[in-house]
Amino acid sequence: MTSSGVSTFLDSIGIGESELLITLDLATESVYAAGSVVEGLSTPTSDLDLICILPAAGPPPDTAYRRLRGERECLRIDLSFVTRDQVVATGKKITECLREARHRPAALMALSPMEYRLLHRLRNSVPLRGFEAVASLREAVKDVPLAEAMAMQAAVWAYSWQLDLAGFLEDGDPLSAGLLLPEFVGSLCNVLLHTLGDTNPSTKFRARRLQKLESKMGDVSLPGGPLPRPVAAWYAQTSLGPCDEVSVRRRAKETILFANRLIPWSECVCYRLVS
């Protein structure tokens, strides 16, 4: 989306871009729009995420949202305030954790979705104010291996879910196994998405993100055969099947076999062993 697209969204909720920027001009170095609206994933009820970069640490201007809200019944804008130093420090942390994960994969568990989201939104954003400051900040974190770190962390989560899933099935508890299966399948979808360069950490738009990348799925060459296509449909069918023991065991077995093909491929891509 372009800045004109953001302006169109602001007009639709009854606020002008000039009013917005004047309100946020207080103590902010730059402002950029991000989130589902910018990335083309939004629904009619989505809000617009605005990230305000503060020049130094300190309390954010807590009156900004109230001033924008005014007499409006609803303001579909989500304001976040961070400092430039916080963004740069997050990039360094992600890089260091990925480097350590080559020897100790659990190191990636020190990273949170909020840290991934901070860099993802900066990279996939529309600057509204302080264009040079936003460009400078993007340059400072451009080499952070964000997608690789996210893919490897998702693989660690998938392994954890797989162990728990096997434990429930061994214990004769198909209900718990069936309810856990979507977590396992979702982690594998994250492995695939992030390995293909998608750095959005949100789970609620996972199916839409899979659909957007469907054209790339044909180029994925997994050991043992191609991906299940379309992947978004496989994700839904495998996650939402019945919870009787026969169905759960069948879907769990199929998913574990798929994981044993997907994760080694992802590791090879992330570590640049294959293209």
Foldseek 3Di string as FASTA:
>chain_A
DEVVLVQVVCVVQPHGLVNLCVLLVPQFQWKWWFDCSLVVLDDPLAAIEMETEGADDDDDPVCSVVVVCPVPPDHRYHYHYYYLVVLLVLLVQQQVLVVVCVPPVCSLVVDDLVSLQSLLRLVRIYIDTNVVVSVVSCVSNVPRLQLLSQLSNLLVQLVVLLVVLVVCVVVVNLQVNLQSQLSNLLSLLSNVLSLVPDSNPDSVSSLVSLVVCQVVQVVDDWPPDGDPPPSSVVSCPLNPDDSDSVSSVVSSVVSVVVSVGRSVSSVCSSVVVDD
